[in-house]
Amino acid sequence: MEAIGSSYKGGLKNGRMEGNGEYTFPTETRYVGETKDGMFHGKGVMYFQNGSTYAATWEKGLAKQGTFSFADGLVFQDKDWDYCDGYDRRFYSERCNGLRPAGESQLTDADPPRVIPDGCYDCGDGFYDPSSRVVSTYTGRFLRNADACEHEWLVRTCRKARDEIVGHDPDI
């Protein structure tokens, strides 16, 4: 596991994960829960670096039933999902706390939004630098190289660092 950047703390049987344990992926995503024969098996929770979680029942490494919760507390629903659906584009925090006055709109669900390094994009799990085509965590750790398809999507879709102030400035 260490050769691929992963680690495991917990029970072992015949050199394989067995019983309760914690598996950490190279991206710092963690699985905490039951394992059997080297696989996630039983009840367990994935903790993602951005603060979201996926609590599930696993069978032979596959999630069979689970609940995804975003970092802000919003729980995903398979049916009757009405969040950010084209008719209602508010952020979850705006749905919970109400809209701000005109001219003080939020740019992201996080307020204040993250400061993006010059020339980079905020891609949800870190910052993307199009000159190197590298996605790094918000703390600067390497996550992945973006292929051509992801590069095009990130540049077209994600929030980019700006040279000028955008939004409300109370001192003006």
C-alpha atoms as a PDB file:
ATOM      1  CA  MET A   1       0.000   0.000   0.000  1.00  0.00           C
ATOM      2  CA  GLU A   2       2.779   2.410   0.867  1.00  0.00           C
ATOM      3  CA  ALA A   3       4.192   1.962  -2.659  1.00  0.00           C
ATOM      4  CA  ILE A   4       1.076   3.586  -4.137  1.00  0.00           C
ATOM      5  CA  GLY A   5       0.793   6.231  -1.407  1.00  0.00           C
ATOM      6  CA  SER A   6      -1.993   4.584   0.600  1.00  0.00           C
ATOM      7  CA  SER A   7      -1.877   3.479   4.220  1.00  0.00           C
ATOM      8  CA  TYR A   8      -3.932   1.235   6.500  1.00  0.00           C
ATOM      9  CA  LYS A   9      -4.324   1.027  10.275  1.00  0.00           C
ATOM     10  CA  GLY A  10      -6.393  -1.813  11.630  1.00  0.00           C
ATOM     11  CA  GLY A  11      -6.903  -5.544  11.765  1.00  0.00           C
ATOM     12  CA  LEU A  12      -5.148  -7.924   9.403  1.00  0.00           C
ATOM     13  CA  LYS A  13      -5.700 -11.566   8.528  1.00  0.00           C
ATOM     14  CA  ASN A  14      -3.239 -13.360   6.235  1.00  0.00           C
ATOM     15  CA  GLY A  15      -1.740  -9.964   5.353  1.00  0.00           C
ATOM     16  CA  ARG A  16      -5.082  -8.527   4.188  1.00  0.00           C
ATOM     17  CA  MET A  17      -7.374  -5.934   5.773  1.00  0.00           C
ATOM     18  CA  GLU A  18      -9.817  -7.659   8.145  1.00  0.00           C
ATOM     19  CA  GLY A  19     -12.143  -6.259  10.828  1.00  0.00           C
ATOM     20  CA  ASN A  20     -12.300  -2.563  11.701  1.00  0.00           C
ATOM     21  CA  GLY A  21      -9.741  -0.203  10.261  1.00  0.00           C
ATOM     22  CA  GLU A  22      -8.864   3.031   8.537  1.00  0.00           C
ATOM     23  CA  TYR A  23      -7.639   3.098   4.934  1.00  0.00           C
ATOM     24  CA  THR A  24      -6.163   6.372   3.646  1.00  0.00           C
ATOM     25  CA  PHE A  25      -5.904   6.979  -0.110  1.00  0.00           C
ATOM     26  CA  PRO A  26      -3.095   9.068  -1.702  1.00  0.00           C
ATOM     27  CA  THR A  27      -5.620  11.926  -2.071  1.00  0.00           C
ATOM     28  CA  GLU A  28      -6.097  11.923   1.750  1.00  0.00           C
ATOM     29  CA  THR A  29      -9.631  10.547   1.371  1.00  0.00           C
ATOM     30  CA  ARG A  30     -10.169   8.108   4.240  1.00  0.00           C
ATOM     31  CA  TYR A  31     -12.365   5.037   4.673  1.00  0.00           C
ATOM     32  CA  VAL A  32     -13.167   4.197   8.292  1.00  0.00           C
ATOM     33  CA  GLY A  33     -15.113   1.023   8.913  1.00  0.00           C
ATOM     34  CA  GLU A  34     -15.340  -2.697   8.469  1.00  0.00           C
ATOM     35  CA  THR A  35     -13.177  -4.716   6.083  1.00  0.00           C
ATOM     36  CA  LYS A  36     -13.079  -8.344   5.047  1.00  0.00           C
ATOM     37  CA  ASP A  37     -10.630 -10.269   2.866  1.00  0.00           C
ATOM     38  CA  GLY A  38      -8.796  -7.054   1.909  1.00  0.00           C
ATOM     39  CA  MET A  39     -11.942  -5.151   0.839  1.00  0.00           C
ATOM     40  CA  PHE A  40     -14.402  -2.682   2.326  1.00  0.00           C
ATOM     41  CA  HIS A  41     -17.159  -4.923   3.651  1.00  0.00           C
ATOM     42  CA  GLY A  42     -19.847  -3.970   6.174  1.00  0.00           C
ATOM     43  CA  LYS A  43     -20.565  -0.502   7.503  1.00  0.00           C
ATOM     44  CA  GLY A  44     -18.083   2.244   6.705  1.00  0.00           C
ATOM     45  CA  VAL A  45     -17.697   5.946   5.994  1.00  0.00           C
ATOM     46  CA  MET A  46     -15.597   7.680   3.326  1.00  0.00           C
ATOM     47  CA  TYR A  47     -14.294  11.051   4.513  1.00  0.00           C
ATOM     48  CA  PHE A  48     -13.330  13.289   1.594  1.00  0.00           C
ATOM     49  CA  GLN A  49     -10.761  16.056   1.870  1.00  0.00           C
ATOM     50  CA  ASN A  50     -13.343  18.739   1.076  1.00  0.00           C
ATOM     51  CA  GLY A  51     -15.375  17.764   4.177  1.00  0.00           C
ATOM     52  CA  SER A  52     -18.067  15.684   2.475  1.00  0.00           C
ATOM     53  CA  THR A  53     -18.828  12.114   3.569  1.00  0.00           C
ATOM     54  CA  TYR A  54     -20.320   8.938   2.162  1.00  0.00           C
ATOM     55  CA  ALA A  55     -21.687   6.543   4.801  1.00  0.00           C
ATOM     56  CA  ALA A  56     -22.541   3.182   3.264  1.00  0.00           C
ATOM     57  CA  THR A  57     -22.963  -0.535   3.600  1.00  0.00           C
ATOM     58  CA  TRP A  58     -20.277  -2.236   1.520  1.00  0.00           C
ATOM     59  CA  GLU A  59     -20.123  -5.727   0.015  1.00  0.00           C
ATOM     60  CA  LYS A  60     -16.832  -7.017  -1.380  1.00  0.00           C
ATOM     61  CA  GLY A  61     -15.546  -3.497  -1.994  1.00  0.00           C
ATOM     62  CA  LEU A  62     -18.720  -2.110  -3.581  1.00  0.00           C
ATOM     63  CA  ALA A  63     -21.099   0.342  -1.912  1.00  0.00           C
ATOM     64  CA  LYS A  64     -24.565  -1.222  -1.906  1.00  0.00           C
ATOM     65  CA  GLN A  65     -26.515   1.465  -0.066  1.00  0.00           C
ATOM     66  CA  GLY A  66     -25.365   4.786   1.301  1.00  0.00           C
ATOM     67  CA  THR A  67     -25.856   8.457   2.015  1.00  0.00           C
ATOM     68  CA  PHE A  68     -23.709  11.253   0.595  1.00  0.00           C
ATOM     69  CA  SER A  69     -23.476  14.456   2.657  1.00  0.00           C
ATOM     70  CA  PHE A  70     -21.807  17.574   1.289  1.00  0.00           C
ATOM     71  CA  ALA A  71     -19.361  19.501   3.485  1.00  0.00           C
ATOM     72  CA  ASP A  72     -22.015  22.141   4.231  1.00  0.00           C
ATOM     73  CA  GLY A  73     -24.453  19.540   5.597  1.00  0.00           C
ATOM     74  CA  LEU A  74     -26.655  19.141   2.515  1.00  0.00           C
ATOM     75  CA  VAL A  75     -27.666  15.483   2.140  1.00  0.00           C
ATOM     76  CA  PHE A  76     -28.026  14.197  -1.419  1.00  0.00           C
ATOM     77  CA  GLN A  77     -31.400  12.655  -2.293  1.00  0.00           C
ATOM     78  CA  ASP A  78     -31.917  10.258  -5.209  1.00  0.00           C
ATOM     79  CA  LYS A  79     -35.564  11.265  -5.590  1.00  0.00           C
ATOM     80  CA  ASP A  80     -37.211  14.688  -5.477  1.00  0.00           C
ATOM     81  CA  TRP A  81     -33.837  16.461  -5.643  1.00  0.00           C
ATOM     82  CA  ASP A  82     -34.531  20.167  -6.029  1.00  0.00           C
ATOM     83  CA  TYR A  83     -31.219  21.726  -5.105  1.00  0.00           C
ATOM     84  CA  CYS A  84     -29.417  23.637  -7.857  1.00  0.00           C
ATOM     85  CA  ASP A  85     -31.746  22.244 -10.520  1.00  0.00           C
ATOM     86  CA  GLY A  86     -31.976  25.071 -13.054  1.00  0.00           C
ATOM     87  CA  TYR A  87     -35.097  26.552 -11.468  1.00  0.00           C
ATOM     88  CA  ASP A  88     -33.436  27.386  -8.155  1.00  0.00           C
ATOM     89  CA  ARG A  89     -29.744  28.306  -8.478  1.00  0.00           C
ATOM     90  CA  ARG A  90     -29.179  29.397  -4.856  1.00  0.00           C
ATOM     91  CA  PHE A  91     -26.281  27.992  -2.849  1.00  0.00           C
ATOM     92  CA  TYR A  92     -27.239  25.681   0.010  1.00  0.00           C
ATOM     93  CA  SER A  93     -26.158  28.304   2.577  1.00  0.00           C
ATOM     94  CA  GLU A  94     -28.489  30.797   0.873  1.00  0.00           C
ATOM     95  CA  ARG A  95     -31.366  28.317   1.114  1.00  0.00           C
ATOM     96  CA  CYS A  96     -30.662  27.860   4.830  1.00  0.00           C
ATOM     97  CA  ASN A  97     -29.843  31.485   5.733  1.00  0.00           C
ATOM     98  CA  GLY A  98     -31.634  33.542   3.069  1.00  0.00           C
ATOM     99  CA  LEU A  99     -30.369  35.728   0.255  1.00  0.00           C
ATOM    100  CA  ARG A 100     -28.150  38.741   0.788  1.00  0.00           C
ATOM    101  CA  PRO A 101     -29.121  42.241  -0.314  1.00  0.00           C
ATOM    102  CA  ALA A 102     -28.606  43.256  -3.948  1.00  0.00           C
ATOM    103  CA  GLY A 103     -24.940  43.914  -4.702  1.00  0.00           C
ATOM    104  CA  GLU A 104     -23.722  41.548  -1.977  1.00  0.00           C
ATOM    105  CA  SER A 105     -24.326  38.252  -3.791  1.00  0.00           C
ATOM    106  CA  GLN A 106     -22.244  35.210  -2.890  1.00  0.00           C
ATOM    107  CA  LEU A 107     -19.745  33.892  -5.444  1.00  0.00           C
ATOM    108  CA  THR A 108     -19.538  30.431  -3.850  1.00  0.00           C
ATOM    109  CA  ASP A 109     -21.256  28.516  -1.086  1.00  0.00           C
ATOM    110  CA  ALA A 110     -18.252  29.273   1.135  1.00  0.00           C
ATOM    111  CA  ASP A 111     -18.313  32.864   2.323  1.00  0.00           C
ATOM    112  CA  PRO A 112     -15.901  34.473   1.964  1.00  0.00           C
ATOM    113  CA  PRO A 113     -14.791  32.413  -1.048  1.00  0.00           C
ATOM    114  CA  ARG A 114     -11.315  30.854  -1.167  1.00  0.00           C
ATOM    115  CA  VAL A 115      -8.569  33.074  -2.533  1.00  0.00           C
ATOM    116  CA  ILE A 116      -7.437  31.470  -5.781  1.00  0.00           C
ATOM    117  CA  PRO A 117      -3.737  31.719  -6.718  1.00  0.00           C
ATOM    118  CA  ASP A 118      -3.003  33.899  -9.772  1.00  0.00           C
ATOM    119  CA  GLY A 119      -3.705  32.129 -13.061  1.00  0.00           C
ATOM    120  CA  CYS A 120      -5.398  29.159 -11.339  1.00  0.00           C
ATOM    121  CA  TYR A 121      -8.941  27.789 -11.054  1.00  0.00           C
ATOM    122  CA  ASP A 122     -10.889  26.494  -8.032  1.00  0.00           C
ATOM    123  CA  CYS A 123     -12.035  23.033  -9.132  1.00  0.00           C
ATOM    124  CA  GLY A 124     -13.839  21.920  -5.968  1.00  0.00           C
ATOM    125  CA  ASP A 125     -11.196  19.583  -4.574  1.00  0.00           C
ATOM    126  CA  GLY A 126      -8.250  21.931  -5.008  1.00  0.00           C
ATOM    127  CA  PHE A 127      -6.658  24.468  -7.342  1.00  0.00           C
ATOM    128  CA  TYR A 128      -5.898  23.797 -11.007  1.00  0.00           C
ATOM    129  CA  ASP A 129      -2.881  25.408 -12.671  1.00  0.00           C
ATOM    130  CA  PRO A 130      -3.469  25.309 -16.457  1.00  0.00           C
ATOM    131  CA  SER A 131       0.197  26.057 -17.244  1.00  0.00           C
ATOM    132  CA  SER A 132       1.364  22.826 -15.560  1.00  0.00           C
ATOM    133  CA  ARG A 133      -1.990  20.968 -15.898  1.00  0.00           C
ATOM    134  CA  VAL A 134      -1.720  19.950 -12.232  1.00  0.00           C
ATOM    135  CA  VAL A 135      -4.519  19.876  -9.646  1.00  0.00           C
ATOM    136  CA  SER A 136      -3.233  20.422  -6.107  1.00  0.00           C
ATOM    137  CA  THR A 137      -5.096  20.298  -2.806  1.00  0.00           C
ATOM    138  CA  TYR A 138      -6.032  23.585  -1.184  1.00  0.00           C
ATOM    139  CA  THR A 139      -2.965  23.102   1.024  1.00  0.00           C
ATOM    140  CA  GLY A 140      -0.657  22.649  -1.998  1.00  0.00           C
ATOM    141  CA  ARG A 141      -0.285  18.840  -2.112  1.00  0.00           C
ATOM    142  CA  PHE A 142      -0.294  17.150  -5.543  1.00  0.00           C
ATOM    143  CA  LEU A 143      -3.633  15.492  -6.413  1.00  0.00           C
ATOM    144  CA  ARG A 144      -3.468  14.631 -10.110  1.00  0.00           C
ATOM    145  CA  ASN A 145      -2.504  15.629 -13.623  1.00  0.00           C
ATOM    146  CA  ALA A 146      -5.455  16.808 -15.688  1.00  0.00           C
ATOM    147  CA  ASP A 147      -5.940  15.157 -19.064  1.00  0.00           C
ATOM    148  CA  ALA A 148      -7.109  17.185 -22.096  1.00  0.00           C
ATOM    149  CA  CYS A 149     -10.805  16.560 -21.372  1.00  0.00           C
ATOM    150  CA  GLU A 150     -10.571  17.635 -17.710  1.00  0.00           C
ATOM    151  CA  HIS A 151      -8.417  20.653 -18.657  1.00  0.00           C
ATOM    152  CA  GLU A 152     -11.060  21.861 -21.122  1.00  0.00           C
ATOM    153  CA  TRP A 153     -13.864  21.378 -18.561  1.00  0.00           C
ATOM    154  CA  LEU A 154     -11.972  23.119 -15.740  1.00  0.00           C
ATOM    155  CA  VAL A 155     -11.051  26.146 -17.866  1.00  0.00           C
ATOM    156  CA  ARG A 156     -14.609  26.447 -19.215  1.00  0.00           C
ATOM    157  CA  THR A 157     -16.465  25.815 -15.958  1.00  0.00           C
ATOM    158  CA  CYS A 158     -14.512  26.665 -12.799  1.00  0.00           C
ATOM    159  CA  ARG A 159     -14.036  29.943 -10.965  1.00  0.00           C
ATOM    160  CA  LYS A 160     -10.751  31.617 -11.924  1.00  0.00           C
ATOM    161  CA  ALA A 161      -8.474  33.995 -10.049  1.00  0.00           C
ATOM    162  CA  ARG A 162      -9.080  37.579 -11.131  1.00  0.00           C
ATOM    163  CA  ASP A 163      -6.758  40.566 -11.326  1.00  0.00           C
ATOM    164  CA  GLU A 164      -9.500  42.978 -10.264  1.00  0.00           C
ATOM    165  CA  ILE A 165     -11.876  42.973  -7.289  1.00  0.00           C
ATOM    166  CA  VAL A 166     -15.212  41.366  -8.155  1.00  0.00           C
ATOM    167  CA  GLY A 167     -18.289  41.888  -6.000  1.00  0.00           C
ATOM    168  CA  HIS A 168     -19.261  44.172  -3.173  1.00  0.00           C
ATOM    169  CA  ASP A 169     -16.702  46.556  -1.678  1.00  0.00           C
ATOM    170  CA  PRO A 170     -18.087  48.250   1.457  1.00  0.00           C
ATOM    171  CA  ASP A 171     -15.366  50.959   1.340  1.00  0.00           C
ATOM    172  CA  ILE A 172     -16.546  52.412  -1.985  1.00  0.00           C
END
